[in-house]
Amino acid sequence: MVSFIRNVSFDCPDPYVLAHFWSEVVGHPVDPDFVRGDTEVVIEPPGRPRLFFQAVPEGNAANQNRFNCPSWGGLAFPSWSVEQLADGWAHLLRCLLH
């Protein structure tokens, strides 16, 4: 049996900001239907898994299987620049999207 990844979801306090950051990383634009203040934002490349960003208040423990962005050298989102992003994270998402 073969499995396919259709969506990668990110819980975050500001979906618009985080989606634009990852848009630069993976080289695909944020869906233009979404604007600052939306509680959901999507990057949806045709024929590829979509990246789904949803607003979740900080400290929400409802879902214990959440992705937690790591920090390196004292840097944590949103202080990262795309250039500072670890090669492994960028490579992982590029593999999912290409």
N, C-alpha and C. Protein backbone atom coordinates (compact mmCIF):
# COMPACT_ATOMS: atom_id res chain seq x y z
N MET A 1 0.84 -1.17 0.00
CA MET A 1 0.00 0.00 0.00
C MET A 1 0.90 1.25 0.00
N VAL A 2 0.54 2.22 -0.80
CA VAL A 2 1.28 3.47 -0.90
C VAL A 2 0.48 4.57 -0.22
N SER A 3 1.16 5.39 0.53
CA SER A 3 0.52 6.53 1.19
C SER A 3 0.98 7.81 0.53
N PHE A 4 0.12 8.79 0.51
CA PHE A 4 0.43 10.09 -0.06
C PHE A 4 0.16 11.17 0.98
N ILE A 5 1.03 12.14 1.05
CA ILE A 5 0.80 13.29 1.92
C ILE A 5 0.03 14.32 1.11
N ARG A 6 -1.15 14.67 1.56
CA ARG A 6 -1.99 15.64 0.86
C ARG A 6 -1.94 17.03 1.51
N ASN A 7 -1.73 17.06 2.83
CA ASN A 7 -1.71 18.32 3.57
C ASN A 7 -0.63 18.26 4.65
N VAL A 8 0.01 19.39 4.86
CA VAL A 8 0.88 19.56 6.01
C VAL A 8 0.30 20.76 6.75
N SER A 9 -0.13 20.55 8.00
CA SER A 9 -0.80 21.61 8.75
C SER A 9 0.11 22.19 9.82
N PHE A 10 0.02 23.49 9.98
CA PHE A 10 0.78 24.20 11.00
C PHE A 10 -0.18 24.97 11.88
N ASP A 11 -0.18 24.72 13.19
CA ASP A 11 -0.90 25.53 14.16
C ASP A 11 0.04 26.68 14.53
N CYS A 12 -0.48 27.89 14.53
CA CYS A 12 0.38 29.04 14.80
C CYS A 12 -0.48 30.24 15.23
N PRO A 13 0.14 31.22 15.88
CA PRO A 13 -0.63 32.39 16.28
C PRO A 13 -0.99 33.32 15.14
N ASP A 14 -0.17 33.39 14.07
CA ASP A 14 -0.43 34.29 12.94
C ASP A 14 -0.20 33.54 11.62
N PRO A 15 -1.25 32.90 11.09
CA PRO A 15 -1.11 32.10 9.87
C PRO A 15 -0.60 32.89 8.67
N TYR A 16 -1.00 34.13 8.53
CA TYR A 16 -0.60 34.93 7.38
C TYR A 16 0.91 35.14 7.35
N VAL A 17 1.47 35.51 8.48
CA VAL A 17 2.91 35.76 8.57
C VAL A 17 3.70 34.48 8.35
N LEU A 18 3.31 33.40 9.02
CA LEU A 18 4.04 32.14 8.88
C LEU A 18 3.93 31.59 7.47
N ALA A 19 2.77 31.71 6.84
CA ALA A 19 2.59 31.22 5.47
C ALA A 19 3.50 31.98 4.50
N HIS A 20 3.64 33.28 4.67
CA HIS A 20 4.52 34.05 3.78
C HIS A 20 5.98 33.68 3.99
N PHE A 21 6.36 33.41 5.21
CA PHE A 21 7.72 32.94 5.48
C PHE A 21 7.98 31.63 4.72
N TRP A 22 7.08 30.64 4.88
CA TRP A 22 7.28 29.34 4.23
C TRP A 22 7.12 29.45 2.72
N SER A 23 6.35 30.39 2.26
CA SER A 23 6.22 30.62 0.82
C SER A 23 7.58 30.93 0.20
N GLU A 24 8.36 31.75 0.88
CA GLU A 24 9.71 32.06 0.39
C GLU A 24 10.60 30.83 0.43
N VAL A 25 10.44 30.03 1.47
CA VAL A 25 11.29 28.84 1.63
C VAL A 25 11.03 27.84 0.51
N VAL A 26 9.76 27.55 0.23
CA VAL A 26 9.44 26.50 -0.74
C VAL A 26 9.27 27.01 -2.16
N GLY A 27 9.26 28.32 -2.34
CA GLY A 27 9.19 28.88 -3.68
C GLY A 27 7.82 28.82 -4.34
N HIS A 28 6.77 28.78 -3.53
CA HIS A 28 5.40 28.82 -4.06
C HIS A 28 4.64 29.93 -3.35
N PRO A 29 3.78 30.66 -4.07
CA PRO A 29 3.08 31.80 -3.45
C PRO A 29 1.95 31.36 -2.52
N VAL A 30 1.63 32.24 -1.60
CA VAL A 30 0.45 32.08 -0.75
C VAL A 30 -0.77 32.31 -1.63
N ASP A 31 -1.81 31.52 -1.43
CA ASP A 31 -3.06 31.71 -2.18
C ASP A 31 -3.51 33.17 -1.99
N PRO A 32 -3.72 33.92 -3.08
CA PRO A 32 -4.06 35.34 -2.98
C PRO A 32 -5.44 35.62 -2.37
N ASP A 33 -6.26 34.60 -2.19
CA ASP A 33 -7.57 34.82 -1.57
C ASP A 33 -7.46 35.07 -0.07
N PHE A 34 -6.29 34.82 0.51
CA PHE A 34 -6.11 34.99 1.95
C PHE A 34 -5.45 36.33 2.24
N VAL A 35 -5.88 36.96 3.35
CA VAL A 35 -5.35 38.27 3.74
C VAL A 35 -4.97 38.25 5.22
N ARG A 36 -4.18 39.25 5.60
CA ARG A 36 -3.79 39.39 7.00
C ARG A 36 -5.04 39.39 7.88
N GLY A 37 -4.96 38.64 8.97
CA GLY A 37 -6.10 38.55 9.88
C GLY A 37 -6.94 37.31 9.68
N ASP A 38 -6.78 36.63 8.55
CA ASP A 38 -7.52 35.37 8.34
C ASP A 38 -7.04 34.32 9.34
N THR A 39 -7.94 33.44 9.75
CA THR A 39 -7.57 32.39 10.70
C THR A 39 -7.01 31.16 10.00
N GLU A 40 -7.10 31.12 8.69
CA GLU A 40 -6.54 30.03 7.89
C GLU A 40 -5.89 30.63 6.65
N VAL A 41 -4.71 30.10 6.29
CA VAL A 41 -4.01 30.54 5.09
C VAL A 41 -3.40 29.31 4.43
N VAL A 42 -3.39 29.29 3.09
CA VAL A 42 -2.95 28.10 2.37
C VAL A 42 -1.92 28.44 1.30
N ILE A 43 -0.93 27.55 1.18
CA ILE A 43 -0.03 27.52 0.02
C ILE A 43 -0.40 26.22 -0.69
N GLU A 44 -0.90 26.33 -1.92
CA GLU A 44 -1.43 25.15 -2.61
C GLU A 44 -0.87 25.02 -4.02
N PRO A 45 0.32 24.44 -4.13
CA PRO A 45 0.86 24.23 -5.47
C PRO A 45 0.09 23.14 -6.21
N PRO A 46 -0.20 23.33 -7.48
CA PRO A 46 -0.99 22.35 -8.23
C PRO A 46 -0.32 20.96 -8.22
N GLY A 47 -1.10 19.97 -7.87
CA GLY A 47 -0.63 18.59 -7.90
C GLY A 47 0.35 18.23 -6.79
N ARG A 48 0.49 19.08 -5.80
CA ARG A 48 1.42 18.85 -4.70
C ARG A 48 0.69 18.98 -3.36
N PRO A 49 1.31 18.47 -2.29
CA PRO A 49 0.68 18.67 -0.97
C PRO A 49 0.55 20.15 -0.64
N ARG A 50 -0.54 20.50 -0.01
CA ARG A 50 -0.72 21.90 0.35
C ARG A 50 -0.23 22.12 1.77
N LEU A 51 0.21 23.34 2.02
CA LEU A 51 0.61 23.74 3.36
C LEU A 51 -0.54 24.56 3.93
N PHE A 52 -1.06 24.13 5.05
CA PHE A 52 -2.24 24.73 5.66
C PHE A 52 -1.84 25.32 7.01
N PHE A 53 -2.03 26.61 7.17
CA PHE A 53 -1.66 27.33 8.39
C PHE A 53 -2.95 27.77 9.07
N GLN A 54 -3.11 27.41 10.35
CA GLN A 54 -4.34 27.77 11.06
C GLN A 54 -4.02 28.43 12.39
N ALA A 55 -4.83 29.42 12.73
CA ALA A 55 -4.63 30.16 13.98
C ALA A 55 -5.03 29.29 15.16
N VAL A 56 -4.11 29.18 16.10
CA VAL A 56 -4.35 28.48 17.35
C VAL A 56 -3.70 29.33 18.44
N PRO A 57 -4.45 29.64 19.49
CA PRO A 57 -3.86 30.47 20.55
C PRO A 57 -2.63 29.79 21.16
N GLU A 58 -1.65 30.59 21.51
CA GLU A 58 -0.46 30.06 22.17
C GLU A 58 -0.88 29.35 23.46
N GLY A 59 -0.21 28.27 23.75
CA GLY A 59 -0.50 27.52 24.96
C GLY A 59 -1.66 26.55 24.82
N ASN A 60 -2.27 26.45 23.65
CA ASN A 60 -3.38 25.53 23.45
C ASN A 60 -2.85 24.10 23.49
N ALA A 61 -3.31 23.32 24.44
CA ALA A 61 -2.82 21.95 24.60
C ALA A 61 -3.83 20.93 24.09
N ALA A 62 -4.81 21.37 23.31
CA ALA A 62 -5.84 20.44 22.84
C ALA A 62 -5.27 19.34 21.96
N ASN A 63 -4.26 19.65 21.18
CA ASN A 63 -3.66 18.66 20.29
C ASN A 63 -2.21 18.46 20.70
N GLN A 64 -1.91 17.34 21.29
CA GLN A 64 -0.57 17.07 21.78
C GLN A 64 0.41 16.69 20.68
N ASN A 65 -0.06 16.48 19.45
CA ASN A 65 0.80 16.06 18.34
C ASN A 65 1.15 17.23 17.44
N ARG A 66 1.31 18.39 18.00
CA ARG A 66 1.59 19.59 17.22
C ARG A 66 3.06 19.68 16.86
N PHE A 67 3.33 20.25 15.70
CA PHE A 67 4.70 20.55 15.27
C PHE A 67 5.18 21.77 16.05
N ASN A 68 6.34 21.68 16.63
CA ASN A 68 6.93 22.81 17.32
C ASN A 68 8.17 23.24 16.57
N CYS A 69 8.17 24.48 16.08
CA CYS A 69 9.35 24.98 15.37
C CYS A 69 10.52 25.04 16.34
N PRO A 70 11.61 24.41 15.97
CA PRO A 70 12.78 24.48 16.85
C PRO A 70 13.47 25.83 16.73
N SER A 71 14.37 26.10 17.63
CA SER A 71 15.19 27.29 17.52
C SER A 71 16.65 26.86 17.59
N TRP A 72 17.49 27.58 16.87
CA TRP A 72 18.92 27.29 16.85
C TRP A 72 19.66 28.56 17.19
N GLY A 73 20.63 28.43 18.07
CA GLY A 73 21.47 29.58 18.40
C GLY A 73 20.69 30.76 18.93
N GLY A 74 19.61 30.50 19.63
CA GLY A 74 18.82 31.58 20.19
C GLY A 74 17.85 32.21 19.20
N LEU A 75 17.85 31.76 17.94
CA LEU A 75 16.92 32.30 16.95
C LEU A 75 15.63 31.49 16.97
N ALA A 76 14.52 32.16 16.94
CA ALA A 76 13.23 31.50 16.88
C ALA A 76 12.33 32.32 15.98
N PHE A 77 11.35 31.67 15.32
CA PHE A 77 10.43 32.41 14.46
C PHE A 77 9.78 33.51 15.29
N PRO A 78 9.59 34.72 14.80
CA PRO A 78 9.81 35.14 13.42
C PRO A 78 11.15 35.81 13.17
N SER A 79 12.12 35.65 14.05
CA SER A 79 13.40 36.32 13.83
C SER A 79 14.26 35.62 12.78
N TRP A 80 13.88 34.42 12.36
CA TRP A 80 14.63 33.74 11.31
C TRP A 80 14.48 34.49 9.99
N SER A 81 15.51 34.46 9.19
CA SER A 81 15.36 34.84 7.80
C SER A 81 15.38 33.54 7.01
N VAL A 82 14.91 33.58 5.78
CA VAL A 82 14.92 32.37 4.96
C VAL A 82 16.35 31.84 4.85
N GLU A 83 17.32 32.74 4.76
CA GLU A 83 18.71 32.32 4.63
C GLU A 83 19.19 31.58 5.87
N GLN A 84 18.62 31.88 7.05
CA GLN A 84 19.05 31.26 8.28
C GLN A 84 18.35 29.92 8.55
N LEU A 85 17.36 29.61 7.77
CA LEU A 85 16.61 28.37 7.98
C LEU A 85 17.51 27.17 7.76
N ALA A 86 17.43 26.19 8.62
CA ALA A 86 18.26 24.99 8.49
C ALA A 86 17.96 24.31 7.16
N ASP A 87 19.00 23.87 6.47
CA ASP A 87 18.86 23.24 5.17
C ASP A 87 17.92 22.03 5.22
N GLY A 88 17.92 21.32 6.29
CA GLY A 88 17.07 20.13 6.40
C GLY A 88 15.59 20.44 6.32
N TRP A 89 15.13 21.49 6.98
CA TRP A 89 13.70 21.85 6.93
C TRP A 89 13.30 22.28 5.53
N ALA A 90 14.13 23.12 4.91
CA ALA A 90 13.81 23.58 3.56
C ALA A 90 13.81 22.40 2.59
N HIS A 91 14.76 21.51 2.73
CA HIS A 91 14.84 20.34 1.84
C HIS A 91 13.60 19.45 2.01
N LEU A 92 13.20 19.23 3.24
CA LEU A 92 12.02 18.39 3.50
C LEU A 92 10.79 18.96 2.79
N LEU A 93 10.52 20.22 2.93
CA LEU A 93 9.32 20.79 2.31
C LEU A 93 9.45 20.86 0.80
N ARG A 94 10.65 21.11 0.29
CA ARG A 94 10.83 21.11 -1.17
C ARG A 94 10.56 19.71 -1.72
N CYS A 95 10.98 18.68 -1.02
CA CYS A 95 10.72 17.31 -1.47
C CYS A 95 9.21 17.04 -1.51
N LEU A 96 8.48 17.55 -0.53
CA LEU A 96 7.04 17.35 -0.49
C LEU A 96 6.34 18.08 -1.63
N LEU A 97 6.89 19.22 -2.04
CA LEU A 97 6.22 20.07 -3.01
C LEU A 97 6.70 19.89 -4.45
N HIS A 98 7.73 19.12 -4.68
CA HIS A 98 8.24 18.95 -6.05
C HIS A 98 8.15 17.52 -6.49
